Amino acid sequence: MTVINFNKAKKARATANAKALAAASRAKHGQTKGEKALVKSIAQKARELLDGAKRSD
């Protein structure tokens, strides 16, 4: 016969639910601050490169 510690099972279930909720929240709210800054800097660099290549008539 196996003895089950209900407190440990309850905590393990709560932890699993919290991890699932956190993953869903990360997917819902998108990128981290660092990722947003990286994307912004890449876009800025591309914009500057394109502006530098424009011809003036």
C-alpha atoms as a PDB file:
ATOM      1  CA  MET A   1       0.000   0.000   0.000  1.00  0.00           C
ATOM      2  CA  THR A   2       1.303   3.445  -0.957  1.00  0.00           C
ATOM      3  CA  VAL A   3       0.861   6.331   1.415  1.00  0.00           C
ATOM      4  CA  ILE A   4      -0.078   9.651  -0.241  1.00  0.00           C
ATOM      5  CA  ASN A   5       0.720  12.934   1.410  1.00  0.00           C
ATOM      6  CA  PHE A   6      -2.233  15.105   0.426  1.00  0.00           C
ATOM      7  CA  ASN A   7      -0.457  18.332   1.362  1.00  0.00           C
ATOM      8  CA  LYS A   8       2.379  17.614  -1.073  1.00  0.00           C
ATOM      9  CA  ALA A   9      -0.061  16.570  -3.791  1.00  0.00           C
ATOM     10  CA  LYS A  10      -2.080  19.762  -3.260  1.00  0.00           C
ATOM     11  CA  LYS A  11       1.055  21.934  -3.438  1.00  0.00           C
ATOM     12  CA  ALA A  12       2.295  20.135  -6.550  1.00  0.00           C
ATOM     13  CA  ARG A  13      -1.064  20.659  -8.263  1.00  0.00           C
ATOM     14  CA  ALA A  14      -1.061  24.357  -7.294  1.00  0.00           C
ATOM     15  CA  THR A  15       2.482  24.784  -8.629  1.00  0.00           C
ATOM     16  CA  ALA A  16       1.559  23.136 -11.924  1.00  0.00           C
ATOM     17  CA  ASN A  17      -1.486  25.388 -12.253  1.00  0.00           C
ATOM     18  CA  ALA A  18       0.600  28.481 -11.483  1.00  0.00           C
ATOM     19  CA  LYS A  19       3.179  27.525 -14.116  1.00  0.00           C
ATOM     20  CA  ALA A  20       0.444  26.980 -16.708  1.00  0.00           C
ATOM     21  CA  LEU A  21      -1.109  30.342 -15.859  1.00  0.00           C
ATOM     22  CA  ALA A  22       2.291  32.058 -16.104  1.00  0.00           C
ATOM     23  CA  ALA A  23       2.942  30.511 -19.524  1.00  0.00           C
ATOM     24  CA  ALA A  24      -0.450  31.661 -20.765  1.00  0.00           C
ATOM     25  CA  SER A  25       0.203  35.149 -19.403  1.00  0.00           C
ATOM     26  CA  ARG A  26       3.602  35.321 -21.134  1.00  0.00           C
ATOM     27  CA  ALA A  27       2.019  34.318 -24.411  1.00  0.00           C
ATOM     28  CA  LYS A  28      -0.815  36.806 -23.963  1.00  0.00           C
ATOM     29  CA  HIS A  29       1.291  39.808 -23.014  1.00  0.00           C
ATOM     30  CA  GLY A  30       4.106  39.236 -25.455  1.00  0.00           C
ATOM     31  CA  GLN A  31       7.703  40.206 -25.183  1.00  0.00           C
ATOM     32  CA  THR A  32       9.983  41.168 -22.364  1.00  0.00           C
ATOM     33  CA  LYS A  33      11.320  44.691 -22.020  1.00  0.00           C
ATOM     34  CA  GLY A  34      14.679  43.645 -23.468  1.00  0.00           C
ATOM     35  CA  GLU A  35      13.084  42.012 -26.503  1.00  0.00           C
ATOM     36  CA  LYS A  36      10.981  45.119 -27.154  1.00  0.00           C
ATOM     37  CA  ALA A  37      14.090  47.311 -26.961  1.00  0.00           C
ATOM     38  CA  LEU A  38      15.962  45.041 -29.376  1.00  0.00           C
ATOM     39  CA  VAL A  39      13.144  45.116 -31.932  1.00  0.00           C
ATOM     40  CA  LYS A  40      12.864  48.895 -31.578  1.00  0.00           C
ATOM     41  CA  SER A  41      16.597  49.415 -32.111  1.00  0.00           C
ATOM     42  CA  ILE A  42      16.639  47.153 -35.189  1.00  0.00           C
ATOM     43  CA  ALA A  43      13.680  49.049 -36.667  1.00  0.00           C
ATOM     44  CA  GLN A  44      15.359  52.391 -35.944  1.00  0.00           C
ATOM     45  CA  LYS A  45      18.579  51.261 -37.616  1.00  0.00           C
ATOM     46  CA  ALA A  46      16.669  50.062 -40.692  1.00  0.00           C
ATOM     47  CA  ARG A  47      14.759  53.367 -40.842  1.00  0.00           C
ATOM     48  CA  GLU A  48      17.991  55.356 -40.656  1.00  0.00           C
ATOM     49  CA  LEU A  49      19.576  53.218 -43.378  1.00  0.00           C
ATOM     50  CA  LEU A  50      16.578  53.736 -45.636  1.00  0.00           C
ATOM     51  CA  ASP A  51      16.485  57.497 -44.970  1.00  0.00           C
ATOM     52  CA  GLY A  52      20.189  57.734 -45.788  1.00  0.00           C
ATOM     53  CA  ALA A  53      19.634  56.042 -49.145  1.00  0.00           C
ATOM     54  CA  LYS A  54      16.911  58.458 -50.319  1.00  0.00           C
ATOM     55  CA  ARG A  55      17.659  60.641 -53.299  1.00  0.00           C
ATOM     56  CA  SER A  56      16.859  64.304 -53.180  1.00  0.00           C
ATOM     57  CA  ASP A  57      15.579  65.788 -56.439  1.00  0.00           C
END
